[in-house]
């Protein structure tokens, strides 16, 4: 997680420069969210988090 929503872009760039960390995060995501449709569920979870914290930033 990043402290501020505007930090997401930079964190994604960092992840693409750290393939081992990206792989670890991907495996963790599969363990937590399952395989079939996991990306859709992760995206929905991220959207819900962003919406629920909208007024905190």
PDB file of N, CA and C in Angstrom:
ATOM      1  N   UNK A   1       0.839  -1.172   0.000  1.00  0.00           N
ATOM      2  CA  UNK A   1       0.000   0.000   0.000  1.00  0.00           C
ATOM      3  C   UNK A   1       0.890   1.244   0.000  1.00  0.00           C
ATOM      4  N   UNK A   2       0.341   2.294  -0.540  1.00  0.00           N
ATOM      5  CA  UNK A   2       1.056   3.569  -0.567  1.00  0.00           C
ATOM      6  C   UNK A   2       0.332   4.548   0.347  1.00  0.00           C
ATOM      7  N   UNK A   3       1.061   5.525   0.906  1.00  0.00           N
ATOM      8  CA  UNK A   3       0.425   6.438   1.857  1.00  0.00           C
ATOM      9  C   UNK A   3      -0.620   7.364   1.228  1.00  0.00           C
ATOM     10  N   UNK A   4      -0.424   7.732  -0.019  1.00  0.00           N
ATOM     11  CA  UNK A   4      -1.335   8.657  -0.689  1.00  0.00           C
ATOM     12  C   UNK A   4      -1.726   8.095  -2.051  1.00  0.00           C
ATOM     13  N   UNK A   5      -2.965   8.275  -2.474  1.00  0.00           N
ATOM     14  CA  UNK A   5      -3.391   7.749  -3.776  1.00  0.00           C
ATOM     15  C   UNK A   5      -2.520   8.227  -4.939  1.00  0.00           C
ATOM     16  N   UNK A   6      -2.030   9.447  -4.855  1.00  0.00           N
ATOM     17  CA  UNK A   6      -1.211   9.961  -5.952  1.00  0.00           C
ATOM     18  C   UNK A   6       0.152   9.259  -6.045  1.00  0.00           C
ATOM     19  N   UNK A   7       0.494   8.443  -5.057  1.00  0.00           N
ATOM     20  CA  UNK A   7       1.759   7.700  -5.072  1.00  0.00           C
ATOM     21  C   UNK A   7       1.663   6.375  -5.833  1.00  0.00           C
ATOM     22  N   UNK A   8       0.465   5.985  -6.237  1.00  0.00           N
ATOM     23  CA  UNK A   8       0.259   4.681  -6.878  1.00  0.00           C
ATOM     24  C   UNK A   8       1.080   4.548  -8.157  1.00  0.00           C
ATOM     25  N   UNK A   9       1.075   5.564  -9.003  1.00  0.00           N
ATOM     26  CA  UNK A   9       1.800   5.496 -10.276  1.00  0.00           C
ATOM     27  C   UNK A   9       3.290   5.229 -10.094  1.00  0.00           C
ATOM     28  N   UNK A  10       3.899   5.943  -9.170  1.00  0.00           N
ATOM     29  CA  UNK A  10       5.327   5.748  -8.917  1.00  0.00           C
ATOM     30  C   UNK A  10       5.601   4.357  -8.348  1.00  0.00           C
ATOM     31  N   UNK A  11       4.715   3.884  -7.491  1.00  0.00           N
ATOM     32  CA  UNK A  11       4.900   2.546  -6.907  1.00  0.00           C
ATOM     33  C   UNK A  11       4.794   1.467  -7.979  1.00  0.00           C
ATOM     34  N   UNK A  12       3.878   1.629  -8.909  1.00  0.00           N
ATOM     35  CA  UNK A  12       3.766   0.675 -10.014  1.00  0.00           C
ATOM     36  C   UNK A  12       5.039   0.665 -10.841  1.00  0.00           C
ATOM     37  N   UNK A  13       5.590   1.836 -11.116  1.00  0.00           N
ATOM     38  CA  UNK A  13       6.859   1.902 -11.855  1.00  0.00           C
ATOM     39  C   UNK A  13       7.961   1.182 -11.096  1.00  0.00           C
ATOM     40  N   UNK A  14       8.022   1.372  -9.772  1.00  0.00           N
ATOM     41  CA  UNK A  14       9.033   0.686  -8.961  1.00  0.00           C
ATOM     42  C   UNK A  14       8.849  -0.830  -9.020  1.00  0.00           C
ATOM     43  N   UNK A  15       7.602  -1.271  -8.985  1.00  0.00           N
ATOM     44  CA  UNK A  15       7.341  -2.711  -9.029  1.00  0.00           C
ATOM     45  C   UNK A  15       7.838  -3.333 -10.323  1.00  0.00           C
ATOM     46  N   UNK A  16       7.664  -2.637 -11.432  1.00  0.00           N
ATOM     47  CA  UNK A  16       8.136  -3.177 -12.710  1.00  0.00           C
ATOM     48  C   UNK A  16       9.657  -3.247 -12.778  1.00  0.00           C
ATOM     49  N   UNK A  17      10.329  -2.516 -11.910  1.00  0.00           N
ATOM     50  CA  UNK A  17      11.791  -2.577 -11.842  1.00  0.00           C
ATOM     51  C   UNK A  17      12.267  -3.616 -10.829  1.00  0.00           C
ATOM     52  N   UNK A  18      11.329  -4.238 -10.101  1.00  0.00           N
ATOM     53  CA  UNK A  18      11.653  -5.241  -9.087  1.00  0.00           C
ATOM     54  C   UNK A  18      10.820  -6.500  -9.342  1.00  0.00           C
ATOM     55  N   UNK A  19      11.201  -7.284 -10.354  1.00  0.00           N
ATOM     56  CA  UNK A  19      10.377  -8.443 -10.725  1.00  0.00           C
ATOM     57  C   UNK A  19      10.191  -9.456  -9.601  1.00  0.00           C
ATOM     58  N   UNK A  20      11.168  -9.631  -8.728  1.00  0.00           N
ATOM     59  CA  UNK A  20      11.010 -10.576  -7.618  1.00  0.00           C
ATOM     60  C   UNK A  20       9.915 -10.115  -6.658  1.00  0.00           C
ATOM     61  N   UNK A  21       9.906  -8.830  -6.365  1.00  0.00           N
ATOM     62  CA  UNK A  21       8.873  -8.286  -5.474  1.00  0.00           C
ATOM     63  C   UNK A  21       7.503  -8.358  -6.147  1.00  0.00           C
ATOM     64  N   UNK A  22       7.447  -8.045  -7.423  1.00  0.00           N
ATOM     65  CA  UNK A  22       6.190  -8.115  -8.165  1.00  0.00           C
ATOM     66  C   UNK A  22       5.652  -9.545  -8.158  1.00  0.00           C
ATOM     67  N   UNK A  23       6.522 -10.519  -8.356  1.00  0.00           N
ATOM     68  CA  UNK A  23       6.117 -11.922  -8.325  1.00  0.00           C
ATOM     69  C   UNK A  23       5.594 -12.314  -6.949  1.00  0.00           C
ATOM     70  N   UNK A  24       6.263 -11.844  -5.914  1.00  0.00           N
ATOM     71  CA  UNK A  24       5.836 -12.132  -4.544  1.00  0.00           C
ATOM     72  C   UNK A  24       4.444 -11.552  -4.279  1.00  0.00           C
ATOM     73  N   UNK A  25       4.214 -10.332  -4.730  1.00  0.00           N
ATOM     74  CA  UNK A  25       2.908  -9.694  -4.562  1.00  0.00           C
ATOM     75  C   UNK A  25       1.848 -10.452  -5.346  1.00  0.00           C
ATOM     76  N   UNK A  26       2.183 -10.880  -6.561  1.00  0.00           N
ATOM     77  CA  UNK A  26       1.239 -11.641  -7.383  1.00  0.00           C
ATOM     78  C   UNK A  26       0.859 -12.955  -6.699  1.00  0.00           C
ATOM     79  N   UNK A  27       1.847 -13.659  -6.163  1.00  0.00           N
ATOM     80  CA  UNK A  27       1.570 -14.921  -5.456  1.00  0.00           C
ATOM     81  C   UNK A  27       0.700 -14.676  -4.231  1.00  0.00           C
ATOM     82  N   UNK A  28       1.009 -13.631  -3.499  1.00  0.00           N
ATOM     83  CA  UNK A  28       0.220 -13.285  -2.320  1.00  0.00           C
ATOM     84  C   UNK A  28      -1.224 -12.970  -2.721  1.00  0.00           C
ATOM     85  N   UNK A  29      -1.393 -12.260  -3.808  1.00  0.00           N
ATOM     86  CA  UNK A  29      -2.730 -11.947  -4.297  1.00  0.00           C
ATOM     87  C   UNK A  29      -3.514 -13.194  -4.659  1.00  0.00           C
ATOM     88  N   UNK A  30      -2.846 -14.139  -5.317  1.00  0.00           N
ATOM     89  CA  UNK A  30      -3.517 -15.399  -5.672  1.00  0.00           C
ATOM     90  C   UNK A  30      -3.899 -16.185  -4.423  1.00  0.00           C
ATOM     91  N   UNK A  31      -3.025 -16.192  -3.423  1.00  0.00           N
ATOM     92  CA  UNK A  31      -3.335 -16.897  -2.183  1.00  0.00           C
ATOM     93  C   UNK A  31      -4.535 -16.272  -1.474  1.00  0.00           C
ATOM     94  N   UNK A  32      -4.596 -14.955  -1.468  1.00  0.00           N
ATOM     95  CA  UNK A  32      -5.667 -14.256  -0.754  1.00  0.00           C
ATOM     96  C   UNK A  32      -6.978 -14.228  -1.525  1.00  0.00           C
ATOM     97  N   UNK A  33      -6.902 -14.064  -2.853  1.00  0.00           N
ATOM     98  CA  UNK A  33      -8.104 -13.834  -3.644  1.00  0.00           C
ATOM     99  C   UNK A  33      -8.494 -15.014  -4.529  1.00  0.00           C
ATOM    100  N   UNK A  34      -7.646 -16.036  -4.609  1.00  0.00           N
ATOM    101  CA  UNK A  34      -7.938 -17.169  -5.478  1.00  0.00           C
ATOM    102  C   UNK A  34      -7.470 -16.904  -6.904  1.00  0.00           C
ATOM    103  N   UNK A  35      -7.612 -17.890  -7.767  1.00  0.00           N
ATOM    104  CA  UNK A  35      -7.084 -17.753  -9.121  1.00  0.00           C
ATOM    105  C   UNK A  35      -8.121 -17.269 -10.126  1.00  0.00           C
ATOM    106  N   UNK A  36      -9.211 -17.982 -10.295  1.00  0.00           N
ATOM    107  CA  UNK A  36     -10.192 -17.610 -11.313  1.00  0.00           C
ATOM    108  C   UNK A  36     -10.872 -16.302 -10.947  1.00  0.00           C
ATOM    109  N   UNK A  37     -10.695 -15.291 -11.784  1.00  0.00           N
ATOM    110  CA  UNK A  37     -11.313 -13.986 -11.551  1.00  0.00           C
ATOM    111  C   UNK A  37     -10.631 -13.151 -10.488  1.00  0.00           C
ATOM    112  N   UNK A  38      -9.433 -13.541 -10.084  1.00  0.00           N
ATOM    113  CA  UNK A  38      -8.739 -12.829  -9.006  1.00  0.00           C
ATOM    114  C   UNK A  38      -8.479 -11.375  -9.373  1.00  0.00           C
ATOM    115  N   UNK A  39      -8.072 -11.114 -10.599  1.00  0.00           N
ATOM    116  CA  UNK A  39      -7.761  -9.733 -10.994  1.00  0.00           C
ATOM    117  C   UNK A  39      -8.989  -8.841 -10.856  1.00  0.00           C
ATOM    118  N   UNK A  40     -10.138  -9.374 -11.237  1.00  0.00           N
ATOM    119  CA  UNK A  40     -11.375  -8.588 -11.131  1.00  0.00           C
ATOM    120  C   UNK A  40     -11.710  -8.316  -9.666  1.00  0.00           C
ATOM    121  N   UNK A  41     -11.537  -9.315  -8.808  1.00  0.00           N
ATOM    122  CA  UNK A  41     -11.819  -9.122  -7.385  1.00  0.00           C
ATOM    123  C   UNK A  41     -10.822  -8.166  -6.742  1.00  0.00           C
ATOM    124  N   UNK A  42      -9.554  -8.267  -7.132  1.00  0.00           N
ATOM    125  CA  UNK A  42      -8.542  -7.349  -6.596  1.00  0.00           C
ATOM    126  C   UNK A  42      -8.868  -5.923  -7.023  1.00  0.00           C
ATOM    127  N   UNK A  43      -9.201  -5.746  -8.305  1.00  0.00           N
ATOM    128  CA  UNK A  43      -9.558  -4.407  -8.791  1.00  0.00           C
ATOM    129  C   UNK A  43     -10.766  -3.863  -8.044  1.00  0.00           C
ATOM    130  N   UNK A  44     -11.772  -4.686  -7.827  1.00  0.00           N
ATOM    131  CA  UNK A  44     -12.960  -4.248  -7.094  1.00  0.00           C
ATOM    132  C   UNK A  44     -12.605  -3.860  -5.663  1.00  0.00           C
ATOM    133  N   UNK A  45     -11.712  -4.621  -5.052  1.00  0.00           N
ATOM    134  CA  UNK A  45     -11.279  -4.311  -3.695  1.00  0.00           C
ATOM    135  C   UNK A  45     -10.534  -2.983  -3.655  1.00  0.00           C
ATOM    136  N   UNK A  46      -9.658  -2.753  -4.628  1.00  0.00           N
ATOM    137  CA  UNK A  46      -8.931  -1.485  -4.697  1.00  0.00           C
ATOM    138  C   UNK A  46      -9.888  -0.314  -4.897  1.00  0.00           C
ATOM    139  N   UNK A  47     -10.847  -0.478  -5.782  1.00  0.00           N
ATOM    140  CA  UNK A  47     -11.824   0.577  -6.036  1.00  0.00           C
ATOM    141  C   UNK A  47     -12.616   0.878  -4.765  1.00  0.00           C
ATOM    142  N   UNK A  48     -13.061  -0.159  -4.087  1.00  0.00           N
ATOM    143  CA  UNK A  48     -13.809   0.030  -2.844  1.00  0.00           C
ATOM    144  C   UNK A  48     -12.964   0.767  -1.808  1.00  0.00           C
ATOM    145  N   UNK A  49     -11.689   0.406  -1.703  1.00  0.00           N
ATOM    146  CA  UNK A  49     -10.794   1.078  -0.755  1.00  0.00           C
ATOM    147  C   UNK A  49     -10.636   2.549  -1.123  1.00  0.00           C
ATOM    148  N   UNK A  50     -10.429   2.822  -2.403  1.00  0.00           N
ATOM    149  CA  UNK A  50     -10.283   4.216  -2.837  1.00  0.00           C
ATOM    150  C   UNK A  50     -11.554   5.012  -2.571  1.00  0.00           C
ATOM    151  N   UNK A  51     -12.700   4.422  -2.845  1.00  0.00           N
ATOM    152  CA  UNK A  51     -13.973   5.112  -2.610  1.00  0.00           C
ATOM    153  C   UNK A  51     -14.190   5.353  -1.120  1.00  0.00           C
ATOM    154  N   UNK A  52     -13.908   4.349  -0.308  1.00  0.00           N
ATOM    155  CA  UNK A  52     -14.168   4.480   1.126  1.00  0.00           C
ATOM    156  C   UNK A  52     -13.201   5.436   1.816  1.00  0.00           C
ATOM    157  N   UNK A  53     -12.047   5.696   1.202  1.00  0.00           N
ATOM    158  CA  UNK A  53     -11.068   6.612   1.811  1.00  0.00           C
ATOM    159  C   UNK A  53     -11.014   7.946   1.075  1.00  0.00           C
ATOM    160  N   UNK A  54     -11.925   8.162   0.146  1.00  0.00           N
ATOM    161  CA  UNK A  54     -11.922   9.369  -0.693  1.00  0.00           C
ATOM    162  C   UNK A  54     -11.807  10.651   0.116  1.00  0.00           C
ATOM    163  N   UNK A  55     -12.511  10.747   1.183  1.00  0.00           N
ATOM    164  CA  UNK A  55     -12.562  12.006   1.912  1.00  0.00           C
ATOM    165  C   UNK A  55     -11.465  12.126   2.974  1.00  0.00           C
ATOM    166  N   UNK A  56     -10.627  11.128   3.093  1.00  0.00           N
ATOM    167  CA  UNK A  56      -9.526  11.214   4.051  1.00  0.00           C
ATOM    168  C   UNK A  56      -8.332  11.961   3.482  1.00  0.00           C
ATOM    169  N   UNK A  57      -8.273  12.126   2.155  1.00  0.00           N
ATOM    170  CA  UNK A  57      -7.086  12.714   1.551  1.00  0.00           C
ATOM    171  C   UNK A  57      -7.338  14.102   1.105  1.00  0.00           C
TER     172      UNK A  57
END
